[in-house]
N, C-alpha and C. Protein backbone atom coordinates (compact mmCIF):
# COMPACT_ATOMS: atom_id res chain seq x y z
N MET A 1 -3.70 24.96 9.45
CA MET A 1 -3.87 23.45 10.29
C MET A 1 -4.78 23.13 10.69
N LYS A 2 -5.85 23.63 10.83
CA LYS A 2 -7.10 23.59 11.71
C LYS A 2 -7.79 22.69 9.88
N PHE A 3 -7.70 23.26 9.07
CA PHE A 3 -7.94 22.93 7.53
C PHE A 3 -7.80 21.82 7.48
N ILE A 4 -6.15 21.40 7.64
CA ILE A 4 -5.85 20.07 7.53
C ILE A 4 -6.56 18.92 7.94
N GLU A 5 -6.58 19.22 9.33
CA GLU A 5 -6.70 18.58 10.65
C GLU A 5 -8.54 18.52 10.07
N ASN A 6 -9.29 19.41 9.59
CA ASN A 6 -10.99 18.89 9.69
C ASN A 6 -10.99 18.07 8.52
N TYR A 7 -9.99 18.57 7.81
CA TYR A 7 -10.55 17.43 6.08
C TYR A 7 -9.54 16.31 5.51
N SER A 8 -8.54 16.00 6.55
CA SER A 8 -7.90 14.94 6.48
C SER A 8 -8.85 13.05 6.89
N SER A 9 -9.34 13.67 7.63
CA SER A 9 -10.14 12.39 7.92
C SER A 9 -11.21 12.02 6.82
N LEU A 10 -12.12 13.53 5.88
CA LEU A 10 -12.46 12.94 5.22
C LEU A 10 -11.93 12.52 4.17
N VAL A 11 -11.09 12.60 3.72
CA VAL A 11 -10.28 12.12 2.80
C VAL A 11 -9.68 10.95 3.07
N GLY A 12 -9.24 10.53 4.07
CA GLY A 12 -8.93 9.44 4.88
C GLY A 12 -10.01 8.25 4.64
N ARG A 13 -11.16 8.71 4.51
CA ARG A 13 -12.20 7.98 4.90
C ARG A 13 -12.30 7.20 3.45
N VAL A 14 -12.55 8.31 2.55
CA VAL A 14 -12.51 7.89 1.09
C VAL A 14 -11.50 7.18 0.48
N LEU A 15 -10.08 7.03 0.77
CA LEU A 15 -9.36 6.67 0.27
C LEU A 15 -9.07 4.43 0.74
N ILE A 16 -9.52 4.74 2.19
CA ILE A 16 -9.96 3.65 2.67
C ILE A 16 -11.43 2.97 2.08
N SER A 17 -12.25 3.50 1.88
CA SER A 17 -13.54 2.91 1.33
C SER A 17 -13.59 2.59 0.30
N VAL A 18 -12.61 3.33 -1.25
CA VAL A 18 -13.33 3.64 -2.37
C VAL A 18 -12.72 1.69 -3.07
N ILE A 19 -11.86 1.34 -2.33
CA ILE A 19 -11.66 0.00 -2.87
C ILE A 19 -12.91 -1.21 -2.80
N PHE A 20 -13.11 -1.04 -1.33
CA PHE A 20 -14.41 -1.91 -1.07
C PHE A 20 -15.64 -1.29 -1.77
N LEU A 21 -16.10 0.04 -2.09
CA LEU A 21 -17.07 0.86 -3.17
C LEU A 21 -17.00 -0.26 -4.58
N MET A 22 -15.91 0.10 -4.97
CA MET A 22 -15.49 -0.68 -6.64
C MET A 22 -15.52 -1.68 -6.44
N ALA A 23 -15.05 -2.31 -5.94
CA ALA A 23 -14.91 -4.14 -5.38
C ALA A 23 -16.40 -4.63 -5.74
N GLY A 24 -17.11 -4.00 -4.66
CA GLY A 24 -18.81 -4.36 -4.55
C GLY A 24 -19.00 -4.59 -5.74
N ILE A 25 -19.40 -2.79 -6.33
CA ILE A 25 -19.72 -2.32 -7.86
C ILE A 25 -19.74 -3.25 -9.09
N ASN A 26 -17.81 -3.66 -8.95
CA ASN A 26 -18.05 -4.97 -10.06
C ASN A 26 -18.23 -6.14 -10.19
N LYS A 27 -18.23 -6.57 -8.53
CA LYS A 27 -19.21 -8.19 -8.32
C LYS A 27 -20.67 -7.73 -9.05
N ILE A 28 -21.25 -6.84 -9.20
CA ILE A 28 -22.26 -6.96 -9.57
C ILE A 28 -21.99 -6.89 -11.30
N GLY A 29 -23.13 -7.64 -11.73
CA GLY A 29 -23.13 -7.55 -13.48
C GLY A 29 -21.66 -9.14 -13.62
N ALA A 30 -21.34 -8.87 -14.54
CA ALA A 30 -19.75 -9.44 -15.49
C ALA A 30 -18.94 -10.24 -14.20
N GLY A 31 -18.75 -9.75 -13.40
CA GLY A 31 -17.87 -9.91 -12.05
C GLY A 31 -18.69 -11.09 -11.34
N TYR A 32 -19.85 -11.18 -11.42
CA TYR A 32 -21.03 -11.46 -10.24
C TYR A 32 -20.26 -13.30 -10.37
N ALA A 33 -20.52 -13.81 -11.81
CA ALA A 33 -20.44 -15.70 -11.57
C ALA A 33 -19.00 -15.67 -11.31
N GLY A 34 -18.04 -15.47 -11.54
CA GLY A 34 -16.40 -15.53 -11.76
C GLY A 34 -16.13 -15.74 -9.63
N THR A 35 -16.70 -14.40 -9.49
CA THR A 35 -16.72 -13.97 -7.73
C THR A 35 -17.23 -15.66 -7.24
N GLN A 36 -18.43 -15.63 -7.30
CA GLN A 36 -19.25 -16.85 -6.62
C GLN A 36 -18.30 -18.21 -7.32
N GLY A 37 -18.04 -18.15 -8.03
CA GLY A 37 -16.94 -19.63 -8.32
C GLY A 37 -15.86 -19.69 -7.52
N TYR A 38 -15.35 -18.84 -7.51
CA TYR A 38 -13.78 -18.29 -6.73
C TYR A 38 -14.08 -18.37 -5.12
N MET A 39 -15.09 -17.80 -5.31
CA MET A 39 -15.89 -18.31 -3.48
C MET A 39 -16.05 -19.17 -3.29
N GLU A 40 -16.65 -20.73 -4.22
CA GLU A 40 -17.02 -21.78 -3.81
C GLU A 40 -15.73 -22.57 -4.01
N ALA A 41 -14.27 -22.05 -4.75
CA ALA A 41 -13.36 -22.94 -4.86
C ALA A 41 -12.49 -23.30 -3.33
N MET A 42 -12.78 -21.61 -2.95
CA MET A 42 -11.92 -21.38 -1.36
C MET A 42 -12.87 -22.29 -0.36
N GLY A 43 -14.21 -22.72 -0.91
CA GLY A 43 -14.70 -23.74 0.35
C GLY A 43 -16.00 -22.58 0.62
N VAL A 44 -15.93 -21.38 0.37
CA VAL A 44 -17.18 -20.34 1.10
C VAL A 44 -18.64 -20.49 -0.12
N PRO A 45 -19.32 -20.96 0.74
CA PRO A 45 -20.81 -20.67 -0.05
C PRO A 45 -21.16 -19.36 -1.11
N GLY A 46 -21.21 -20.14 -2.42
CA GLY A 46 -21.63 -18.41 -2.97
C GLY A 46 -22.78 -17.89 -3.27
N GLN A 47 -23.59 -18.81 -2.49
CA GLN A 47 -24.69 -17.92 -2.04
C GLN A 47 -24.60 -16.64 -1.18
N LEU A 48 -23.46 -16.59 -0.42
CA LEU A 48 -23.38 -15.41 0.55
C LEU A 48 -22.76 -14.20 -0.03
N LEU A 49 -22.46 -14.09 -1.47
CA LEU A 49 -22.04 -13.33 -2.76
C LEU A 49 -22.98 -11.96 -2.18
N PRO A 50 -24.46 -12.13 -2.17
CA PRO A 50 -25.06 -10.73 -2.16
C PRO A 50 -24.98 -9.96 -0.96
N LEU A 51 -24.54 -10.76 0.48
CA LEU A 51 -24.16 -10.22 0.98
C LEU A 51 -22.82 -9.68 1.51
N VAL A 52 -21.81 -10.05 0.72
CA VAL A 52 -20.48 -9.79 0.43
C VAL A 52 -20.69 -8.17 0.09
N ILE A 53 -21.11 -8.01 -1.46
CA ILE A 53 -21.41 -7.36 -2.12
C ILE A 53 -22.41 -5.59 -1.36
N ALA A 54 -23.45 -6.60 -0.44
CA ALA A 54 -24.05 -5.52 0.80
C ALA A 54 -22.86 -4.80 1.36
N THR A 55 -22.61 -5.64 1.93
CA THR A 55 -21.49 -5.54 3.11
C THR A 55 -20.59 -3.91 2.41
N GLU A 56 -19.52 -4.78 1.39
CA GLU A 56 -18.36 -3.90 0.82
C GLU A 56 -19.69 -2.51 0.56
N ILE A 57 -20.65 -2.06 -0.54
CA ILE A 57 -20.76 -1.42 -1.06
C ILE A 57 -21.51 -0.46 0.01
N LEU A 58 -22.61 -1.17 0.89
CA LEU A 58 -23.18 -0.27 2.43
C LEU A 58 -22.08 0.05 3.57
N GLY A 59 -20.88 -0.40 3.38
CA GLY A 59 -20.60 -0.02 4.44
C GLY A 59 -19.22 1.18 4.15
N ALA A 60 -18.89 0.76 2.91
CA ALA A 60 -18.17 1.81 1.84
C ALA A 60 -18.67 2.88 1.76
N VAL A 61 -19.81 2.88 1.93
CA VAL A 61 -20.81 4.52 1.53
C VAL A 61 -20.81 5.37 3.15
N ALA A 62 -20.94 4.24 4.08
CA ALA A 62 -21.60 4.81 4.99
C ALA A 62 -20.23 5.34 5.25
N ILE A 63 -19.22 4.82 5.66
CA ILE A 63 -17.33 5.45 5.80
C ILE A 63 -17.36 6.72 5.05
N ILE A 64 -17.38 6.43 3.95
CA ILE A 64 -17.65 7.83 3.05
C ILE A 64 -18.47 9.02 3.56
N VAL A 65 -19.40 8.38 4.08
CA VAL A 65 -20.06 9.76 4.53
C VAL A 65 -19.89 10.29 5.96
N GLY A 66 -19.74 9.31 6.91
CA GLY A 66 -19.30 9.18 7.92
C GLY A 66 -20.88 9.32 8.73
N TYR A 67 -21.21 7.84 8.07
CA TYR A 67 -22.38 7.69 9.55
C TYR A 67 -22.33 6.59 9.62
N GLN A 68 -22.35 6.32 11.26
CA GLN A 68 -22.36 5.10 11.70
C GLN A 68 -21.01 4.96 11.64
N THR A 69 -20.07 5.34 11.72
CA THR A 69 -18.70 5.11 11.21
C THR A 69 -18.09 4.43 11.93
N ARG A 70 -18.12 4.59 13.23
CA ARG A 70 -17.16 3.14 14.02
C ARG A 70 -17.99 1.86 13.92
N LEU A 71 -18.94 1.68 13.83
CA LEU A 71 -19.88 0.65 13.67
C LEU A 71 -19.35 0.00 11.89
N ALA A 72 -19.63 1.05 11.09
CA ALA A 72 -19.10 0.16 10.14
C ALA A 72 -17.88 -0.24 9.86
N ALA A 73 -17.03 0.67 10.18
CA ALA A 73 -15.53 0.77 10.30
C ALA A 73 -15.33 -0.38 10.94
N PHE A 74 -15.94 -0.77 12.26
CA PHE A 74 -15.77 -2.55 12.73
C PHE A 74 -16.03 -3.38 11.81
N LEU A 75 -17.07 -3.45 11.45
CA LEU A 75 -17.43 -4.42 10.44
C LEU A 75 -16.71 -4.63 9.17
N LEU A 76 -16.47 -3.25 8.43
CA LEU A 76 -15.00 -4.32 7.58
C LEU A 76 -13.86 -4.35 8.14
N ALA A 77 -13.32 -3.96 9.40
CA ALA A 77 -12.23 -4.45 9.78
C ALA A 77 -12.51 -6.05 9.92
N GLY A 78 -12.95 -6.29 10.58
CA GLY A 78 -13.66 -7.87 10.37
C GLY A 78 -13.62 -8.30 9.29
N PHE A 79 -14.55 -8.01 8.05
CA PHE A 79 -14.35 -8.43 6.85
C PHE A 79 -13.29 -8.59 6.28
N SER A 80 -11.99 -7.24 6.71
CA SER A 80 -10.86 -7.50 5.87
C SER A 80 -9.99 -8.71 6.19
N LEU A 81 -9.72 -9.09 7.91
CA LEU A 81 -9.54 -9.87 8.14
C LEU A 81 -9.99 -11.25 8.28
N ILE A 82 -11.25 -11.44 8.18
CA ILE A 82 -11.69 -13.00 7.49
C ILE A 82 -11.51 -12.84 6.25
N SER A 83 -11.64 -11.98 4.71
CA SER A 83 -11.22 -12.46 3.77
C SER A 83 -9.79 -12.39 3.76
N ALA A 84 -9.39 -11.95 4.41
CA ALA A 84 -7.28 -12.60 4.70
C ALA A 84 -7.58 -13.83 4.75
N LEU A 85 -7.75 -14.67 5.79
CA LEU A 85 -7.27 -15.88 6.11
C LEU A 85 -8.48 -16.56 5.23
N LEU A 86 -9.22 -16.24 4.80
CA LEU A 86 -9.95 -17.19 4.20
C LEU A 86 -9.60 -17.13 2.53
N PHE A 87 -9.39 -16.09 2.14
CA PHE A 87 -8.94 -16.30 0.49
C PHE A 87 -7.69 -15.79 0.46
N HIS A 88 -6.46 -15.39 0.89
CA HIS A 88 -5.43 -14.61 0.71
C HIS A 88 -4.03 -15.67 1.99
N PHE A 89 -4.44 -17.05 2.46
CA PHE A 89 -3.82 -17.78 3.66
C PHE A 89 -2.65 -18.04 2.76
N ASN A 90 -2.29 -18.66 1.93
CA ASN A 90 -1.51 -18.90 0.89
C ASN A 90 -0.07 -18.22 0.41
N PHE A 91 0.89 -18.51 1.93
CA PHE A 91 2.20 -17.68 2.19
C PHE A 91 3.19 -18.10 1.33
N THR A 92 3.11 -18.86 0.59
CA THR A 92 4.47 -19.68 -0.39
C THR A 92 3.75 -18.75 -1.94
N ASP A 93 2.80 -18.00 -2.01
CA ASP A 93 2.59 -17.37 -3.51
C ASP A 93 2.88 -16.33 -2.66
N GLN A 94 3.56 -15.25 -3.30
CA GLN A 94 3.80 -14.13 -2.84
C GLN A 94 2.81 -12.74 -2.99
N MET A 95 2.16 -13.27 -4.13
CA MET A 95 0.92 -12.23 -4.46
C MET A 95 -0.04 -12.72 -3.60
N GLN A 96 -0.55 -14.05 -2.36
CA GLN A 96 -1.43 -13.89 -1.29
C GLN A 96 -0.70 -13.59 -0.32
N SER A 97 0.44 -13.74 0.07
CA SER A 97 0.84 -12.60 1.10
C SER A 97 0.70 -11.23 1.18
N ILE A 98 0.82 -10.70 -0.08
CA ILE A 98 1.01 -9.37 -0.16
C ILE A 98 -0.48 -9.00 0.21
N LEU A 99 -1.62 -9.59 -0.70
CA LEU A 99 -2.78 -9.09 -0.32
C LEU A 99 -3.27 -9.43 0.89
N PHE A 100 -2.78 -10.56 1.59
CA PHE A 100 -3.27 -10.87 3.19
C PHE A 100 -2.73 -9.52 3.65
N MET A 101 -1.41 -8.97 3.21
CA MET A 101 -0.95 -8.22 4.46
C MET A 101 -1.53 -6.62 4.03
N LYS A 102 -1.87 -6.80 2.98
CA LYS A 102 -2.55 -5.68 2.57
C LYS A 102 -4.19 -5.25 3.42
N ASN A 103 -4.83 -6.28 3.61
CA ASN A 103 -6.13 -6.33 3.94
C ASN A 103 -5.65 -6.41 5.71
N VAL A 104 -4.65 -7.29 5.97
CA VAL A 104 -4.31 -6.96 7.09
C VAL A 104 -4.43 -5.59 7.75
N ALA A 105 -3.79 -4.33 6.79
CA ALA A 105 -3.35 -2.78 7.09
C ALA A 105 -4.81 -2.55 6.88
N ILE A 106 -5.27 -2.62 5.83
CA ILE A 106 -6.53 -2.12 5.73
C ILE A 106 -7.46 -2.43 7.43
N ALA A 107 -7.91 -3.68 7.68
CA ALA A 107 -7.85 -3.43 9.02
C ALA A 107 -7.69 -2.33 10.19
N GLY A 108 -5.97 -2.86 9.98
CA GLY A 108 -5.36 -1.49 10.50
C GLY A 108 -5.98 -0.04 10.63
N GLY A 109 -6.45 0.58 9.50
CA GLY A 109 -6.86 1.48 9.31
C GLY A 109 -8.19 1.29 9.54
N PHE A 110 -9.14 0.93 9.67
CA PHE A 110 -10.76 0.89 9.83
C PHE A 110 -10.29 0.93 11.66
N LEU A 111 -9.89 0.01 12.44
CA LEU A 111 -9.91 0.51 13.50
C LEU A 111 -9.16 1.98 14.33
N PHE A 112 -8.70 2.55 13.53
CA PHE A 112 -8.19 4.16 13.78
C PHE A 112 -9.85 4.55 13.81
N LEU A 113 -10.85 4.01 12.45
CA LEU A 113 -11.71 4.74 12.31
C LEU A 113 -12.39 4.28 13.69
N VAL A 114 -12.64 3.02 13.88
CA VAL A 114 -13.39 2.69 14.89
C VAL A 114 -12.79 3.48 16.47
N ALA A 115 -11.77 3.83 16.69
CA ALA A 115 -11.14 4.15 17.65
C ALA A 115 -11.15 6.19 18.00
N ASN A 116 -11.12 6.52 17.17
CA ASN A 116 -10.99 7.92 16.52
C ASN A 116 -12.41 8.89 15.76
N GLY A 117 -12.90 8.17 15.37
CA GLY A 117 -14.33 8.57 14.40
C GLY A 117 -14.29 9.12 13.56
N ALA A 118 -15.65 9.68 13.01
CA ALA A 118 -15.67 10.22 11.55
C ALA A 118 -14.73 11.45 11.57
N GLY A 119 -14.70 11.78 12.22
CA GLY A 119 -13.87 13.06 12.38
C GLY A 119 -15.11 14.57 11.94
N TYR A 120 -14.08 15.83 11.60
CA TYR A 120 -15.43 17.03 11.43
C TYR A 120 -16.48 16.95 10.39
N VAL A 121 -15.69 16.33 9.35
CA VAL A 121 -16.80 15.89 7.92
C VAL A 121 -17.61 15.38 7.78
N SER A 122 -18.71 15.06 8.63
CA SER A 122 -19.60 13.61 8.67
C SER A 122 -20.52 14.01 8.74
N ILE A 123 -21.33 12.99 8.44
CA ILE A 123 -23.04 12.78 8.86
C ILE A 123 -22.85 12.37 10.95
N ASP A 124 -21.98 11.64 11.51
CA ASP A 124 -21.75 11.84 12.71
C ASP A 124 -21.43 12.77 13.38
N ASN A 125 -20.62 13.50 12.92
CA ASN A 125 -20.63 15.23 13.62
C ASN A 125 -21.16 15.56 13.84
N GLY A 126 -22.41 15.75 12.15
CA GLY A 126 -23.39 16.74 12.50
C GLY A 126 -23.88 16.25 13.14
N MET A 127 -24.40 14.75 13.59
CA MET A 127 -25.57 14.30 14.30
C MET A 127 -25.50 14.66 15.86
N ALA A 128 -23.64 14.16 16.29
CA ALA A 128 -23.63 14.83 17.49
C ALA A 128 -23.65 16.31 17.70
N ALA A 129 -23.39 17.39 16.92
CA ALA A 129 -23.73 18.67 17.02
C ALA A 129 -24.83 19.06 17.86
N LYS A 130 -26.20 18.14 16.96
CA LYS A 130 -27.31 18.44 17.17
C LYS A 130 -28.14 18.41 18.53
N GLU A 131 -27.06 17.24 19.13
CA GLU A 131 -27.52 16.47 20.61
C GLU A 131 -27.13 17.64 21.67
């Protein structure tokens, strides 16, 4: 039982973060112009896209390795909620409604990380053990 307890946090961190890692990577290159155009169509300045990419990739990596997990999770929870409000607020479109709820659910998962930390297999835990 201790094995499951120790490693489920790691698996959970990977699962909740991979969507951001892949989204950030996919926005680099071929997806850049399309994403920038979509942002601008929704009233968000396209010049913010490098910040979005950095947030997605760096936040995901920090959570996966368990470094500054509470801070990274807090920021990605906020990012998820802001994204939901800016890009998926059209509840007359069923797909947008589903995407809105997906973002809210992901924010909830990140808030669990804020409350509980990274867990056993993490840089945060290793750093705490040395103090």
